[in-house]
Amino acid sequence: MIDKYKKLREWMVDTQIVERGIRDERVIKVMKKIPRHLFVPENIMDDAYDDRALPIGYGQTISQPYIVALMTELLELKGDEKVLEIGTGSGYQAAILAELAKEVHTIERVEPLAKEAEKKFEKLSIKNIKVYVRDGTEGIPEEAPFDRIIITAATPDIPEPLIEQLKEGGIIVAPVGERYSQYMLKAIKKGKELERHYLIPVAFVPLIGKYGWKEE
């Protein structure tokens, strides 16, 4: 079984990630290493390396592998960063980040998902991730400032508390736009403003919270 998933993982990286232009060698290496199938429900493990998002329960998804790689590459991680992730979900993105940064603080509003993610980190002996259950749009002021922030749910705009918690010169990556269609944004903090670069169209589940969308 392990050999099967290893081959599928390498196929995923070669065909879905490298072929689409991801060039950061550290990102490519970690995407080949982290077992994505452990972050999806058991009954769809064989679909884990497909080129699509997958349901993980509670109306949430694990993002398409290419999108995970793209968002990670856009963060420009060198290894010594303190990263804030909004939307733990399955924990897969946090596990990728933990290999590439010094520490990861990740927020999930759905408590069962947060607990499940913590179990996965423990199983994989990942020790530099801290999981919080709270409103992600408010960030973690007691741990600020952060070198990098990644939002893995659709937001109408970057929540003001997160801009405040980002270091000068820090990078934030997020899907920004309407509730059901967004553009990937890479923004760099310059003073109190963000220098914004909008990239490809994407579709994420909505970021629910005080500075995000309201629950329907």
Protein backbone atom coordinates (compact mmCIF):
# COMPACT_ATOMS: atom_id res chain seq x y z
CA MET A 1 0.00 0.00 0.00
CA ILE A 2 2.73 2.45 0.97
CA ASP A 3 4.52 1.86 -2.34
CA LYS A 4 1.28 2.49 -4.27
CA TYR A 5 0.74 5.84 -2.56
CA LYS A 6 4.38 6.85 -3.00
CA LYS A 7 4.08 6.30 -6.75
CA LEU A 8 0.77 8.16 -6.87
CA ARG A 9 2.33 11.05 -4.94
CA GLU A 10 5.26 11.31 -7.36
CA TRP A 11 2.83 11.15 -10.30
CA MET A 12 0.75 13.93 -8.70
CA VAL A 13 3.78 16.18 -8.28
CA ASP A 14 5.16 15.53 -11.77
CA THR A 15 1.89 15.93 -13.69
CA GLN A 16 -0.15 18.39 -11.60
CA ILE A 17 2.48 20.58 -9.98
CA VAL A 18 5.78 20.69 -11.88
CA GLU A 19 4.07 20.65 -15.29
CA ARG A 20 1.97 23.66 -14.24
CA GLY A 21 4.98 25.77 -13.41
CA ILE A 22 5.77 25.29 -9.71
CA ARG A 23 9.55 25.82 -9.51
CA ASP A 24 10.41 26.07 -5.80
CA GLU A 25 12.46 22.90 -5.18
CA ARG A 26 11.62 22.88 -1.46
CA VAL A 27 7.90 22.94 -2.24
CA ILE A 28 8.25 20.15 -4.82
CA LYS A 29 10.24 18.02 -2.38
CA VAL A 30 7.76 18.38 0.50
CA MET A 31 4.75 17.69 -1.77
CA LYS A 32 6.45 14.38 -2.67
CA LYS A 33 7.01 13.63 1.02
CA ILE A 34 3.77 14.44 2.90
CA PRO A 35 1.22 11.57 2.57
CA ARG A 36 -1.89 13.38 1.32
CA HIS A 37 -3.97 10.20 1.58
CA LEU A 38 -3.72 10.36 5.38
CA PHE A 39 -5.53 13.73 5.32
CA VAL A 40 -8.71 12.54 3.59
CA PRO A 41 -11.49 10.23 4.84
CA GLU A 42 -10.57 6.56 4.63
CA ASN A 43 -13.22 5.74 2.02
CA ILE A 44 -11.67 8.16 -0.51
CA MET A 45 -7.96 7.53 0.19
CA ASP A 46 -7.47 6.19 -3.33
CA ASP A 47 -8.65 9.55 -4.71
CA ALA A 48 -6.19 11.57 -2.59
CA TYR A 49 -3.77 12.26 -5.44
CA ASP A 50 -6.40 13.22 -8.00
CA ASP A 51 -6.32 16.70 -9.54
CA ARG A 52 -9.22 18.10 -7.49
CA ALA A 53 -10.45 19.23 -4.10
CA LEU A 54 -12.04 16.52 -1.95
CA PRO A 55 -14.70 16.62 0.81
CA ILE A 56 -13.47 16.14 4.39
CA GLY A 57 -16.81 16.59 6.20
CA TYR A 58 -18.57 19.53 7.87
CA GLY A 59 -18.97 21.24 4.48
CA GLN A 60 -15.18 21.63 4.15
CA THR A 61 -12.66 20.41 1.58
CA ILE A 62 -8.98 19.61 1.15
CA SER A 63 -7.70 21.85 -1.66
CA GLN A 64 -6.58 20.63 -5.06
CA PRO A 65 -2.85 19.66 -4.86
CA TYR A 66 -1.77 22.33 -7.37
CA ILE A 67 -3.47 25.07 -5.35
CA VAL A 68 -1.71 23.90 -2.16
CA ALA A 69 1.62 24.00 -4.00
CA LEU A 70 0.90 27.39 -5.57
CA MET A 71 -0.14 29.05 -2.29
CA THR A 72 2.91 27.57 -0.56
CA GLU A 73 5.28 28.78 -3.28
CA LEU A 74 3.75 32.29 -3.16
CA LEU A 75 4.65 32.54 0.54
CA GLU A 76 8.38 32.41 -0.40
CA LEU A 77 9.35 30.43 2.70
CA LYS A 78 13.03 30.15 3.56
CA GLY A 79 12.78 28.11 6.78
CA ASP A 80 12.90 30.57 9.67
CA GLU A 81 9.38 32.04 9.41
CA LYS A 82 6.50 32.15 11.87
CA VAL A 83 3.38 31.37 9.82
CA LEU A 84 -0.30 31.89 10.58
CA GLU A 85 -2.78 29.70 8.69
CA ILE A 86 -6.49 30.51 8.70
CA GLY A 87 -8.53 27.36 8.06
CA THR A 88 -6.79 24.17 9.23
CA GLY A 89 -9.32 21.90 7.54
CA SER A 90 -7.74 18.48 7.06
CA GLY A 91 -4.35 19.73 8.28
CA TYR A 92 -2.62 18.95 4.96
CA GLN A 93 -1.61 22.55 4.15
CA ALA A 94 -0.30 23.04 7.71
CA ALA A 95 1.77 19.85 7.43
CA ILE A 96 3.32 21.16 4.19
CA LEU A 97 4.06 24.53 5.81
CA ALA A 98 5.58 22.91 8.90
CA GLU A 99 8.30 21.33 6.74
CA LEU A 100 9.21 24.68 5.21
CA ALA A 101 8.88 27.16 8.10
CA LYS A 102 10.04 27.38 11.71
CA GLU A 103 6.58 27.33 13.30
CA VAL A 104 2.96 27.19 12.16
CA HIS A 105 -0.04 28.53 14.08
CA THR A 106 -3.26 27.31 12.49
CA ILE A 107 -6.89 28.20 13.27
CA GLU A 108 -9.94 26.01 12.65
CA ARG A 109 -13.47 27.00 13.69
CA VAL A 110 -14.85 23.42 13.41
CA GLU A 111 -13.58 21.70 16.55
CA PRO A 112 -13.83 18.05 15.34
CA LEU A 113 -11.68 18.94 12.30
CA ALA A 114 -9.13 20.66 14.53
CA LYS A 115 -8.90 17.60 16.80
CA GLU A 116 -8.61 15.25 13.83
CA ALA A 117 -5.80 17.38 12.35
CA GLU A 118 -3.92 17.33 15.66
CA LYS A 119 -4.07 13.51 15.66
CA LYS A 120 -2.59 13.44 12.16
CA PHE A 121 0.27 15.77 13.13
CA GLU A 122 1.01 13.52 16.10
CA LYS A 123 0.95 10.39 13.93
CA LEU A 124 3.44 12.00 11.53
CA SER A 125 5.59 13.34 14.42
CA ILE A 126 5.13 16.96 13.31
CA LYS A 127 5.90 19.04 16.38
CA ASN A 128 6.03 22.66 15.15
CA ILE A 129 2.28 23.19 14.56
CA LYS A 130 -0.10 24.67 17.14
CA VAL A 131 -3.85 24.35 16.49
CA TYR A 132 -6.43 26.85 17.77
CA VAL A 133 -10.24 26.62 17.72
CA ARG A 134 -11.59 30.16 17.26
CA ASP A 135 -12.70 32.75 14.69
CA GLY A 136 -9.88 32.78 12.15
CA THR A 137 -10.76 36.24 10.86
CA GLU A 138 -9.54 37.71 14.16
CA GLY A 139 -6.17 35.96 13.96
CA ILE A 140 -4.03 35.30 17.04
CA PRO A 141 -3.05 38.72 18.44
CA GLU A 142 -1.18 37.15 21.36
CA GLU A 143 1.22 35.41 18.94
CA ALA A 144 1.66 38.32 16.49
CA PRO A 145 3.51 39.46 14.53
CA PHE A 146 3.71 36.79 11.82
CA ASP A 147 6.15 36.65 8.90
CA ARG A 148 3.58 35.01 6.64
CA ILE A 149 -0.20 34.52 6.66
CA ILE A 150 -2.17 32.10 4.50
CA ILE A 151 -5.97 32.03 4.32
CA THR A 152 -7.35 28.78 2.94
CA ALA A 153 -10.99 29.89 2.62
CA ALA A 154 -12.66 32.54 0.46
CA THR A 155 -12.69 36.01 1.99
CA PRO A 156 -14.42 39.18 0.71
CA ASP A 157 -11.20 41.04 1.58
CA ILE A 158 -8.19 40.57 3.85
CA PRO A 159 -9.50 40.93 7.44
CA GLU A 160 -8.08 44.05 9.10
CA PRO A 161 -6.83 42.17 12.21
CA LEU A 162 -4.71 39.93 9.96
CA ILE A 163 -3.11 42.93 8.23
CA GLU A 164 -2.27 44.31 11.67
CA GLN A 165 -0.74 40.97 12.75
CA LEU A 166 1.49 40.70 9.65
CA LYS A 167 5.07 41.94 9.91
CA GLU A 168 6.30 44.82 7.77
CA GLY A 169 7.44 43.26 4.49
CA GLY A 170 5.48 40.10 5.30
CA ILE A 171 3.45 38.19 2.72
CA ILE A 172 -0.21 37.17 2.88
CA VAL A 173 -1.78 34.74 0.39
CA ALA A 174 -5.56 34.31 0.13
CA PRO A 175 -8.50 33.71 -2.23
CA VAL A 176 -10.28 37.08 -2.33
CA GLY A 177 -13.56 37.99 -4.03
CA GLU A 178 -17.18 36.88 -4.10
CA ARG A 179 -18.58 34.07 -1.98
CA TYR A 180 -18.47 31.53 -4.81
CA SER A 181 -15.66 32.84 -7.05
CA GLN A 182 -12.38 34.51 -6.16
CA TYR A 183 -8.91 35.40 -7.38
CA MET A 184 -5.76 34.21 -5.68
CA LEU A 185 -4.10 37.21 -4.04
CA LYS A 186 -0.47 37.61 -3.01
CA ALA A 187 -0.03 40.77 -0.94
CA ILE A 188 3.06 42.32 0.64
CA LYS A 189 2.72 44.61 3.66
CA LYS A 190 4.19 48.06 3.11
CA GLY A 191 3.47 50.37 6.02
CA LYS A 192 -0.21 49.93 6.87
CA GLU A 193 -1.13 49.10 3.27
CA LEU A 194 -0.94 45.95 1.17
CA GLU A 195 0.75 45.84 -2.22
CA ARG A 196 -1.64 43.51 -4.03
CA HIS A 197 -1.00 41.06 -6.88
CA TYR A 198 -4.07 39.21 -8.18
CA LEU A 199 -3.34 35.92 -9.94
CA ILE A 200 -5.55 33.05 -11.13
CA PRO A 201 -9.33 32.58 -10.63
CA VAL A 202 -10.16 30.06 -7.87
CA ALA A 203 -13.15 28.77 -5.89
CA PHE A 204 -12.83 28.07 -2.15
CA VAL A 205 -15.34 27.38 0.62
CA PRO A 206 -16.26 30.65 2.39
CA LEU A 207 -14.32 32.06 5.34
CA ILE A 208 -16.94 32.39 8.08
CA GLY A 209 -16.35 34.90 10.85
CA LYS A 210 -16.59 38.45 12.14
CA TYR A 211 -14.48 39.86 9.28
CA GLY A 212 -15.47 37.23 6.69
CA TRP A 213 -18.78 35.86 5.45
CA LYS A 214 -21.81 35.18 7.64
CA GLU A 215 -23.13 31.64 7.91
CA GLU A 216 -26.01 30.94 5.53
